[in-house]
Amino acid sequence: RPESVKGTGLGLSISKGIVEAHHGSIYARNRVNGGT
């Protein structure tokens, strides 16, 4: 993104690992009016 975004890029990766360890699934989808 052009604006400054903070973070390491690990949050969703860690979440995916936890969810999949419990035989679940995780995915992203965009909202019609913006946002995810």
PDB file of all heavy atoms in Angstrom:
ATOM      1  N   ARG A   1       0.859  -1.185   0.000  1.00  0.00           N
ATOM      2  CA  ARG A   1       0.000   0.000   0.000  1.00  0.00           C
ATOM      3  C   ARG A   1       0.892   1.231   0.000  1.00  0.00           C
ATOM      4  O   ARG A   1       1.961   1.223   0.600  1.00  0.00           O
ATOM      5  CB  ARG A   1      -0.881   0.027   1.247  1.00  0.00           C
ATOM      6  CG  ARG A   1      -1.816  -1.138   1.374  1.00  0.00           C
ATOM      7  CD  ARG A   1      -3.139  -0.779   0.753  1.00  0.00           C
ATOM      8  NE  ARG A   1      -4.103  -1.820   1.083  1.00  0.00           N
ATOM      9  CZ  ARG A   1      -4.834  -2.412   0.170  1.00  0.00           C
ATOM     10  NH1 ARG A   1      -4.745  -2.073  -1.070  1.00  0.00           N
ATOM     11  NH2 ARG A   1      -5.684  -3.347   0.516  1.00  0.00           N
ATOM     12  N   PRO A   2       0.416   2.304  -0.608  1.00  0.00           N
ATOM     13  CA  PRO A   2       1.224   3.527  -0.593  1.00  0.00           C
ATOM     14  C   PRO A   2       1.389   4.117   0.809  1.00  0.00           C
ATOM     15  O   PRO A   2       2.432   4.656   1.143  1.00  0.00           O
ATOM     16  CB  PRO A   2       0.455   4.493  -1.481  1.00  0.00           C
ATOM     17  CG  PRO A   2      -0.791   3.823  -1.887  1.00  0.00           C
ATOM     18  CD  PRO A   2      -0.770   2.419  -1.378  1.00  0.00           C
ATOM     19  N   GLU A   3       0.378   3.980   1.652  1.00  0.00           N
ATOM     20  CA  GLU A   3       0.478   4.517   3.007  1.00  0.00           C
ATOM     21  C   GLU A   3       1.287   3.558   3.888  1.00  0.00           C
ATOM     22  O   GLU A   3       1.463   2.410   3.566  1.00  0.00           O
ATOM     23  CB  GLU A   3      -0.915   4.753   3.619  1.00  0.00           C
ATOM     24  CG  GLU A   3      -1.728   3.502   3.834  1.00  0.00           C
ATOM     25  CD  GLU A   3      -2.506   3.039   2.621  1.00  0.00           C
ATOM     26  OE1 GLU A   3      -2.409   3.628   1.553  1.00  0.00           O
ATOM     27  OE2 GLU A   3      -3.219   2.031   2.774  1.00  0.00           O
ATOM     28  N   SER A   4       1.772   4.041   4.980  1.00  0.00           N
ATOM     29  CA  SER A   4       2.591   3.245   5.887  1.00  0.00           C
ATOM     30  C   SER A   4       1.718   2.238   6.638  1.00  0.00           C
ATOM     31  O   SER A   4       0.771   2.609   7.313  1.00  0.00           O
ATOM     32  CB  SER A   4       3.294   4.167   6.885  1.00  0.00           C
ATOM     33  OG  SER A   4       4.006   3.403   7.818  1.00  0.00           O
ATOM     34  N   VAL A   5       2.053   0.975   6.502  1.00  0.00           N
ATOM     35  CA  VAL A   5       1.347  -0.093   7.212  1.00  0.00           C
ATOM     36  C   VAL A   5       2.350  -0.779   8.115  1.00  0.00           C
ATOM     37  O   VAL A   5       3.426  -1.162   7.674  1.00  0.00           O
ATOM     38  CB  VAL A   5       0.730  -1.115   6.222  1.00  0.00           C
ATOM     39  CG1 VAL A   5       0.066  -2.246   6.968  1.00  0.00           C
ATOM     40  CG2 VAL A   5      -0.248  -0.430   5.296  1.00  0.00           C
ATOM     41  N   LYS A   6       1.988  -0.926   9.380  1.00  0.00           N
ATOM     42  CA  LYS A   6       2.897  -1.566  10.328  1.00  0.00           C
ATOM     43  C   LYS A   6       2.530  -3.035  10.496  1.00  0.00           C
ATOM     44  O   LYS A   6       1.407  -3.431  10.262  1.00  0.00           O
ATOM     45  CB  LYS A   6       2.836  -0.848  11.665  1.00  0.00           C
ATOM     46  CG  LYS A   6       3.289   0.582  11.529  1.00  0.00           C
ATOM     47  CD  LYS A   6       3.332   1.283  12.837  1.00  0.00           C
ATOM     48  CE  LYS A   6       3.686   2.710  12.509  1.00  0.00           C
ATOM     49  NZ  LYS A   6       4.305   3.471  13.441  1.00  0.00           N
ATOM     50  N   GLY A   7       3.484  -3.813  10.901  1.00  0.00           N
ATOM     51  CA  GLY A   7       3.249  -5.222  11.156  1.00  0.00           C
ATOM     52  C   GLY A   7       4.320  -6.062  10.495  1.00  0.00           C
ATOM     53  O   GLY A   7       5.082  -5.586   9.653  1.00  0.00           O
ATOM     54  N   THR A   8       4.363  -7.324  10.878  1.00  0.00           N
ATOM     55  CA  THR A   8       5.392  -8.221  10.359  1.00  0.00           C
ATOM     56  C   THR A   8       4.895  -9.131   9.256  1.00  0.00           C
ATOM     57  O   THR A   8       5.685  -9.806   8.613  1.00  0.00           O
ATOM     58  CB  THR A   8       5.937  -9.105  11.497  1.00  0.00           C
ATOM     59  OG1 THR A   8       4.859  -9.882  12.022  1.00  0.00           O
ATOM     60  CG2 THR A   8       6.582  -8.284  12.586  1.00  0.00           C
ATOM     61  N   GLY A   9       3.584  -9.195   9.066  1.00  0.00           N
ATOM     62  CA  GLY A   9       3.048 -10.110   8.076  1.00  0.00           C
ATOM     63  C   GLY A   9       2.932 -11.529   8.600  1.00  0.00           C
ATOM     64  O   GLY A   9       2.917 -12.481   7.824  1.00  0.00           O
ATOM     65  N   LEU A  10       2.843 -11.684   9.904  1.00  0.00           N
ATOM     66  CA  LEU A  10       2.745 -13.021  10.493  1.00  0.00           C
ATOM     67  C   LEU A  10       1.354 -13.360  11.025  1.00  0.00           C
ATOM     68  O   LEU A  10       1.032 -14.534  11.190  1.00  0.00           O
ATOM     69  CB  LEU A  10       3.751 -13.175  11.642  1.00  0.00           C
ATOM     70  CG  LEU A  10       5.196 -13.340  11.218  1.00  0.00           C
ATOM     71  CD1 LEU A  10       6.102 -13.342  12.444  1.00  0.00           C
ATOM     72  CD2 LEU A  10       5.377 -14.617  10.433  1.00  0.00           C
ATOM     73  N   GLY A  11       0.525 -12.375  11.299  1.00  0.00           N
ATOM     74  CA  GLY A  11      -0.754 -12.613  11.967  1.00  0.00           C
ATOM     75  C   GLY A  11      -1.657 -13.606  11.254  1.00  0.00           C
ATOM     76  O   GLY A  11      -2.151 -14.561  11.870  1.00  0.00           O
ATOM     77  N   LEU A  12      -1.880 -13.416   9.965  1.00  0.00           N
ATOM     78  CA  LEU A  12      -2.771 -14.331   9.241  1.00  0.00           C
ATOM     79  C   LEU A  12      -2.123 -15.691   9.029  1.00  0.00           C
ATOM     80  O   LEU A  12      -2.813 -16.714   8.998  1.00  0.00           O
ATOM     81  CB  LEU A  12      -3.205 -13.727   7.910  1.00  0.00           C
ATOM     82  CG  LEU A  12      -4.192 -12.568   8.021  1.00  0.00           C
ATOM     83  CD1 LEU A  12      -4.464 -11.957   6.650  1.00  0.00           C
ATOM     84  CD2 LEU A  12      -5.493 -13.016   8.676  1.00  0.00           C
ATOM     85  N   SER A  13      -0.807 -15.727   8.902  1.00  0.00           N
ATOM     86  CA  SER A  13      -0.107 -17.005   8.770  1.00  0.00           C
ATOM     87  C   SER A  13      -0.249 -17.837  10.041  1.00  0.00           C
ATOM     88  O   SER A  13      -0.522 -19.041   9.992  1.00  0.00           O
ATOM     89  CB  SER A  13       1.368 -16.754   8.461  1.00  0.00           C
ATOM     90  OG  SER A  13       2.072 -17.966   8.415  1.00  0.00           O
ATOM     91  N   ILE A  14      -0.074 -17.189  11.183  1.00  0.00           N
ATOM     92  CA  ILE A  14      -0.241 -17.880  12.470  1.00  0.00           C
ATOM     93  C   ILE A  14      -1.685 -18.338  12.635  1.00  0.00           C
ATOM     94  O   ILE A  14      -1.940 -19.476  13.045  1.00  0.00           O
ATOM     95  CB  ILE A  14       0.191 -16.965  13.632  1.00  0.00           C
ATOM     96  CG1 ILE A  14       1.711 -16.752  13.595  1.00  0.00           C
ATOM     97  CG2 ILE A  14      -0.251 -17.536  14.984  1.00  0.00           C
ATOM     98  CD1 ILE A  14       2.216 -15.670  14.512  1.00  0.00           C
ATOM     99  N   SER A  15      -2.621 -17.469  12.287  1.00  0.00           N
ATOM    100  CA  SER A  15      -4.046 -17.829  12.379  1.00  0.00           C
ATOM    101  C   SER A  15      -4.353 -19.035  11.515  1.00  0.00           C
ATOM    102  O   SER A  15      -5.064 -19.954  11.933  1.00  0.00           O
ATOM    103  CB  SER A  15      -4.918 -16.650  11.945  1.00  0.00           C
ATOM    104  OG  SER A  15      -4.713 -15.547  12.793  1.00  0.00           O
ATOM    105  N   LYS A  16      -3.818 -19.060  10.297  1.00  0.00           N
ATOM    106  CA  LYS A  16      -4.052 -20.186   9.395  1.00  0.00           C
ATOM    107  C   LYS A  16      -3.523 -21.485  10.001  1.00  0.00           C
ATOM    108  O   LYS A  16      -4.185 -22.520   9.949  1.00  0.00           O
ATOM    109  CB  LYS A  16      -3.388 -19.927   8.048  1.00  0.00           C
ATOM    110  CG  LYS A  16      -3.606 -21.041   7.051  1.00  0.00           C
ATOM    111  CD  LYS A  16      -2.953 -20.730   5.719  1.00  0.00           C
ATOM    112  CE  LYS A  16      -3.166 -21.896   4.778  1.00  0.00           C
ATOM    113  NZ  LYS A  16      -2.503 -21.702   3.495  1.00  0.00           N
ATOM    114  N   GLY A  17      -2.334 -21.428  10.588  1.00  0.00           N
ATOM    115  CA  GLY A  17      -1.762 -22.624  11.216  1.00  0.00           C
ATOM    116  C   GLY A  17      -2.626 -23.156  12.339  1.00  0.00           C
ATOM    117  O   GLY A  17      -2.851 -24.368  12.451  1.00  0.00           O
ATOM    118  N   ILE A  18      -3.140 -22.273  13.171  1.00  0.00           N
ATOM    119  CA  ILE A  18      -3.989 -22.687  14.292  1.00  0.00           C
ATOM    120  C   ILE A  18      -5.300 -23.274  13.787  1.00  0.00           C
ATOM    121  O   ILE A  18      -5.742 -24.337  14.235  1.00  0.00           O
ATOM    122  CB  ILE A  18      -4.245 -21.501  15.243  1.00  0.00           C
ATOM    123  CG1 ILE A  18      -2.942 -21.105  15.945  1.00  0.00           C
ATOM    124  CG2 ILE A  18      -5.334 -21.830  16.255  1.00  0.00           C
ATOM    125  CD1 ILE A  18      -3.005 -19.782  16.677  1.00  0.00           C
ATOM    126  N   VAL A  19      -5.931 -22.583  12.840  1.00  0.00           N
ATOM    127  CA  VAL A  19      -7.223 -23.046  12.307  1.00  0.00           C
ATOM    128  C   VAL A  19      -7.067 -24.402  11.629  1.00  0.00           C
ATOM    129  O   VAL A  19      -7.862 -25.315  11.852  1.00  0.00           O
ATOM    130  CB  VAL A  19      -7.814 -21.993  11.341  1.00  0.00           C
ATOM    131  CG1 VAL A  19      -8.995 -22.553  10.575  1.00  0.00           C
ATOM    132  CG2 VAL A  19      -8.219 -20.737  12.104  1.00  0.00           C
ATOM    133  N   GLU A  20      -6.033 -24.558  10.810  1.00  0.00           N
ATOM    134  CA  GLU A  20      -5.832 -25.835  10.112  1.00  0.00           C
ATOM    135  C   GLU A  20      -5.447 -26.957  11.072  1.00  0.00           C
ATOM    136  O   GLU A  20      -5.794 -28.118  10.832  1.00  0.00           O
ATOM    137  CB  GLU A  20      -4.800 -25.672   9.004  1.00  0.00           C
ATOM    138  CG  GLU A  20      -5.358 -24.848   7.849  1.00  0.00           C
ATOM    139  CD  GLU A  20      -4.374 -24.647   6.719  1.00  0.00           C
ATOM    140  OE1 GLU A  20      -3.163 -24.957   6.877  1.00  0.00           O
ATOM    141  OE2 GLU A  20      -4.812 -24.159   5.661  1.00  0.00           O
ATOM    142  N   ALA A  21      -4.789 -26.642  12.166  1.00  0.00           N
ATOM    143  CA  ALA A  21      -4.466 -27.657  13.171  1.00  0.00           C
ATOM    144  C   ALA A  21      -5.731 -28.224  13.812  1.00  0.00           C
ATOM    145  O   ALA A  21      -5.738 -29.346  14.306  1.00  0.00           O
ATOM    146  CB  ALA A  21      -3.553 -27.071  14.247  1.00  0.00           C
ATOM    147  N   HIS A  22      -6.800 -27.448  13.769  1.00  0.00           N
ATOM    148  CA  HIS A  22      -8.092 -27.873  14.303  1.00  0.00           C
ATOM    149  C   HIS A  22      -9.034 -28.332  13.191  1.00  0.00           C
ATOM    150  O   HIS A  22     -10.254 -28.363  13.372  1.00  0.00           O
ATOM    151  CB  HIS A  22      -8.719 -26.744  15.120  1.00  0.00           C
ATOM    152  CG  HIS A  22      -7.961 -26.457  16.374  1.00  0.00           C
ATOM    153  ND1 HIS A  22      -8.076 -27.221  17.509  1.00  0.00           N
ATOM    154  CD2 HIS A  22      -7.035 -25.505  16.661  1.00  0.00           C
ATOM    155  CE1 HIS A  22      -7.275 -26.747  18.443  1.00  0.00           C
ATOM    156  NE2 HIS A  22      -6.626 -25.712  17.956  1.00  0.00           N
ATOM    157  N   HIS A  23      -8.468 -28.675  12.033  1.00  0.00           N
ATOM    158  CA  HIS A  23      -9.211 -29.203  10.882  1.00  0.00           C
ATOM    159  C   HIS A  23     -10.237 -28.211  10.339  1.00  0.00           C
ATOM    160  O   HIS A  23     -11.270 -28.607   9.817  1.00  0.00           O
ATOM    161  CB  HIS A  23      -9.872 -30.543  11.217  1.00  0.00           C
ATOM    162  CG  HIS A  23      -8.902 -31.525  11.772  1.00  0.00           C
ATOM    163  ND1 HIS A  23      -7.951 -32.145  10.998  1.00  0.00           N
ATOM    164  CD2 HIS A  23      -8.694 -31.959  13.042  1.00  0.00           C
ATOM    165  CE1 HIS A  23      -7.217 -32.931  11.758  1.00  0.00           C
ATOM    166  NE2 HIS A  23      -7.639 -32.839  13.004  1.00  0.00           N
ATOM    167  N   GLY A  24      -9.921 -26.950  10.456  1.00  0.00           N
ATOM    168  CA  GLY A  24     -10.807 -25.912   9.936  1.00  0.00           C
ATOM    169  C   GLY A  24     -10.222 -25.275   8.696  1.00  0.00           C
ATOM    170  O   GLY A  24      -9.213 -25.722   8.147  1.00  0.00           O
ATOM    171  N   SER A  25     -10.873 -24.216   8.254  1.00  0.00           N
ATOM    172  CA  SER A  25     -10.373 -23.471   7.100  1.00  0.00           C
ATOM    173  C   SER A  25     -10.504 -21.975   7.381  1.00  0.00           C
ATOM    174  O   SER A  25     -11.318 -21.548   8.197  1.00  0.00           O
ATOM    175  CB  SER A  25     -11.138 -23.857   5.833  1.00  0.00           C
ATOM    176  OG  SER A  25     -12.508 -23.533   5.962  1.00  0.00           O
ATOM    177  N   ILE A  26      -9.681 -21.216   6.697  1.00  0.00           N
ATOM    178  CA  ILE A  26      -9.684 -19.767   6.837  1.00  0.00           C
ATOM    179  C   ILE A  26      -9.483 -19.176   5.448  1.00  0.00           C
ATOM    180  O   ILE A  26      -8.696 -19.703   4.653  1.00  0.00           O
ATOM    181  CB  ILE A  26      -8.586 -19.298   7.828  1.00  0.00           C
ATOM    182  CG1 ILE A  26      -8.655 -17.793   8.061  1.00  0.00           C
ATOM    183  CG2 ILE A  26      -7.219 -19.740   7.392  1.00  0.00           C
ATOM    184  CD1 ILE A  26      -7.750 -17.298   9.198  1.00  0.00           C
ATOM    185  N   TYR A  27     -10.223 -18.140   5.141  1.00  0.00           N
ATOM    186  CA  TYR A  27     -10.053 -17.479   3.862  1.00  0.00           C
ATOM    187  C   TYR A  27     -10.483 -16.022   3.975  1.00  0.00           C
ATOM    188  O   TYR A  27     -11.144 -15.624   4.934  1.00  0.00           O
ATOM    189  CB  TYR A  27     -10.822 -18.198   2.750  1.00  0.00           C
ATOM    190  CG  TYR A  27     -12.314 -18.295   2.947  1.00  0.00           C
ATOM    191  CD1 TYR A  27     -13.165 -17.320   2.436  1.00  0.00           C
ATOM    192  CD2 TYR A  27     -12.874 -19.359   3.630  1.00  0.00           C
ATOM    193  CE1 TYR A  27     -14.542 -17.414   2.614  1.00  0.00           C
ATOM    194  CE2 TYR A  27     -14.238 -19.462   3.814  1.00  0.00           C
ATOM    195  CZ  TYR A  27     -15.071 -18.485   3.298  1.00  0.00           C
ATOM    196  OH  TYR A  27     -16.423 -18.576   3.479  1.00  0.00           O
ATOM    197  N   ALA A  28     -10.069 -15.247   2.993  1.00  0.00           N
ATOM    198  CA  ALA A  28     -10.392 -13.825   2.955  1.00  0.00           C
ATOM    199  C   ALA A  28     -11.350 -13.569   1.798  1.00  0.00           C
ATOM    200  O   ALA A  28     -11.293 -14.242   0.768  1.00  0.00           O
ATOM    201  CB  ALA A  28      -9.117 -13.010   2.754  1.00  0.00           C
ATOM    202  N   ARG A  29     -12.214 -12.598   2.003  1.00  0.00           N
ATOM    203  CA  ARG A  29     -13.084 -12.141   0.902  1.00  0.00           C
ATOM    204  C   ARG A  29     -13.322 -10.655   1.087  1.00  0.00           C
ATOM    205  O   ARG A  29     -13.386 -10.151   2.199  1.00  0.00           O
ATOM    206  CB  ARG A  29     -14.382 -12.919   0.835  1.00  0.00           C
ATOM    207  CG  ARG A  29     -15.315 -12.760   2.007  1.00  0.00           C
ATOM    208  CD  ARG A  29     -16.614 -13.548   1.770  1.00  0.00           C
ATOM    209  NE  ARG A  29     -17.430 -13.555   2.949  1.00  0.00           N
ATOM    210  CZ  ARG A  29     -18.311 -12.608   3.275  1.00  0.00           C
ATOM    211  NH1 ARG A  29     -18.478 -11.569   2.487  1.00  0.00           N
ATOM    212  NH2 ARG A  29     -19.014 -12.693   4.375  1.00  0.00           N
ATOM    213  N   ASN A  30     -13.418  -9.963  -0.022  1.00  0.00           N
ATOM    214  CA  ASN A  30     -13.649  -8.526   0.028  1.00  0.00           C
ATOM    215  C   ASN A  30     -15.129  -8.228   0.157  1.00  0.00           C
ATOM    216  O   ASN A  30     -15.968  -8.925  -0.409  1.00  0.00           O
ATOM    217  CB  ASN A  30     -13.087  -7.847  -1.217  1.00  0.00           C
ATOM    218  CG  ASN A  30     -11.587  -7.750  -1.172  1.00  0.00           C
ATOM    219  OD1 ASN A  30     -11.003  -7.587  -0.121  1.00  0.00           O
ATOM    220  ND2 ASN A  30     -10.946  -7.872  -2.323  1.00  0.00           N
ATOM    221  N   ARG A  31     -15.421  -7.195   0.909  1.00  0.00           N
ATOM    222  CA  ARG A  31     -16.803  -6.728   1.056  1.00  0.00           C
ATOM    223  C   ARG A  31     -17.164  -5.861  -0.133  1.00  0.00           C
ATOM    224  O   ARG A  31     -16.301  -5.225  -0.738  1.00  0.00           O
ATOM    225  CB  ARG A  31     -16.934  -5.927   2.346  1.00  0.00           C
ATOM    226  CG  ARG A  31     -16.704  -6.759   3.575  1.00  0.00           C
ATOM    227  CD  ARG A  31     -16.649  -5.961   4.827  1.00  0.00           C
ATOM    228  NE  ARG A  31     -17.463  -4.752   4.736  1.00  0.00           N
ATOM    229  CZ  ARG A  31     -17.799  -3.995   5.750  1.00  0.00           C
ATOM    230  NH1 ARG A  31     -17.373  -4.308   6.948  1.00  0.00           N
ATOM    231  NH2 ARG A  31     -18.522  -2.928   5.598  1.00  0.00           N
ATOM    232  N   VAL A  32     -18.435  -5.811  -0.474  1.00  0.00           N
ATOM    233  CA  VAL A  32     -18.915  -5.033  -1.614  1.00  0.00           C
ATOM    234  C   VAL A  32     -18.574  -3.556  -1.455  1.00  0.00           C
ATOM    235  O   VAL A  32     -18.139  -2.900  -2.397  1.00  0.00           O
ATOM    236  CB  VAL A  32     -20.435  -5.222  -1.794  1.00  0.00           C
ATOM    237  CG1 VAL A  32     -20.966  -4.322  -2.895  1.00  0.00           C
ATOM    238  CG2 VAL A  32     -20.763  -6.678  -2.078  1.00  0.00           C
ATOM    239  N   ASN A  33     -18.745  -3.001  -0.271  1.00  0.00           N
ATOM    240  CA  ASN A  33     -18.526  -1.576  -0.038  1.00  0.00           C
ATOM    241  C   ASN A  33     -17.133  -1.246   0.480  1.00  0.00           C
ATOM    242  O   ASN A  33     -16.911  -0.184   1.039  1.00  0.00           O
ATOM    243  CB  ASN A  33     -19.577  -1.037   0.931  1.00  0.00           C
ATOM    244  CG  ASN A  33     -20.964  -1.091   0.339  1.00  0.00           C
ATOM    245  OD1 ASN A  33     -21.134  -0.858  -0.847  1.00  0.00           O
ATOM    246  ND2 ASN A  33     -21.938  -1.427   1.144  1.00  0.00           N
ATOM    247  N   GLY A  34     -16.201  -2.166   0.329  1.00  0.00           N
ATOM    248  CA  GLY A  34     -14.831  -1.926   0.765  1.00  0.00           C
ATOM    249  C   GLY A  34     -14.495  -2.690   2.020  1.00  0.00           C
ATOM    250  O   GLY A  34     -15.356  -3.062   2.799  1.00  0.00           O
ATOM    251  N   GLY A  35     -13.235  -2.947   2.189  1.00  0.00           N
ATOM    252  CA  GLY A  35     -12.777  -3.695   3.348  1.00  0.00           C
ATOM    253  C   GLY A  35     -12.729  -5.185   3.067  1.00  0.00           C
ATOM    254  O   GLY A  35     -13.148  -5.650   2.013  1.00  0.00           O
ATOM    255  N   THR A  36     -12.208  -5.910   4.013  1.00  0.00           N
ATOM    256  CA  THR A  36     -12.027  -7.356   3.869  1.00  0.00           C
ATOM    257  C   THR A  36     -12.587  -8.068   5.079  1.00  0.00           C
ATOM    258  O   THR A  36     -12.511  -7.578   6.190  1.00  0.00           O
ATOM    259  CB  THR A  36     -10.524  -7.685   3.737  1.00  0.00           C
ATOM    260  OG1 THR A  36     -10.003  -7.007   2.592  1.00  0.00           O
ATOM    261  CG2 THR A  36     -10.281  -9.175   3.589  1.00  0.00           C
TER     262      THR A  36
END
